[in-house]
Amino acid sequence: MFILNKDSFQEISETTNLIDDVFLESLETIQM
């Protein structure tokens, strides 16, 4: 079992948000 503390959880969610942004931008670019 992998236990997250709040700091690492914060980092993971920030990284996920970053990936989401890049993904959305590339989707928009593809649709143009």
Protein backbone atom coordinates (compact mmCIF):
# COMPACT_ATOMS: atom_id res chain seq x y z
CA MET A 1 0.00 0.00 0.00
CA PHE A 2 1.27 3.41 -0.95
CA ILE A 3 0.58 6.18 1.57
CA LEU A 4 0.54 9.79 0.43
CA ASN A 5 1.16 12.71 2.68
CA LYS A 6 -0.41 16.06 1.88
CA ASP A 7 2.71 17.52 0.28
CA SER A 8 3.15 14.76 -2.24
CA PHE A 9 -0.57 14.75 -2.93
CA GLN A 10 -0.36 18.48 -3.67
CA GLU A 11 2.52 17.88 -6.07
CA ILE A 12 0.67 15.08 -7.82
CA SER A 13 -2.46 17.16 -8.30
CA GLU A 14 -0.40 20.09 -9.64
CA THR A 15 1.33 17.77 -12.08
CA THR A 16 -2.00 16.30 -13.13
CA ASN A 17 -3.41 19.78 -13.71
CA LEU A 18 -0.38 20.62 -15.83
CA ILE A 19 -0.86 17.47 -17.91
CA ASP A 20 -4.56 18.26 -18.30
CA ASP A 21 -3.73 21.76 -19.57
CA VAL A 22 -1.26 20.43 -22.12
CA PHE A 23 -3.71 17.75 -23.19
CA LEU A 24 -6.53 20.27 -23.66
CA GLU A 25 -4.27 22.61 -25.61
CA SER A 26 -3.18 19.84 -27.94
CA LEU A 27 -6.80 18.80 -28.44
CA GLU A 28 -7.73 22.35 -29.39
CA THR A 29 -4.79 22.50 -31.77
CA ILE A 30 -5.84 19.25 -33.45
CA GLN A 31 -9.39 20.52 -33.93
CA MET A 32 -8.26 23.73 -35.66
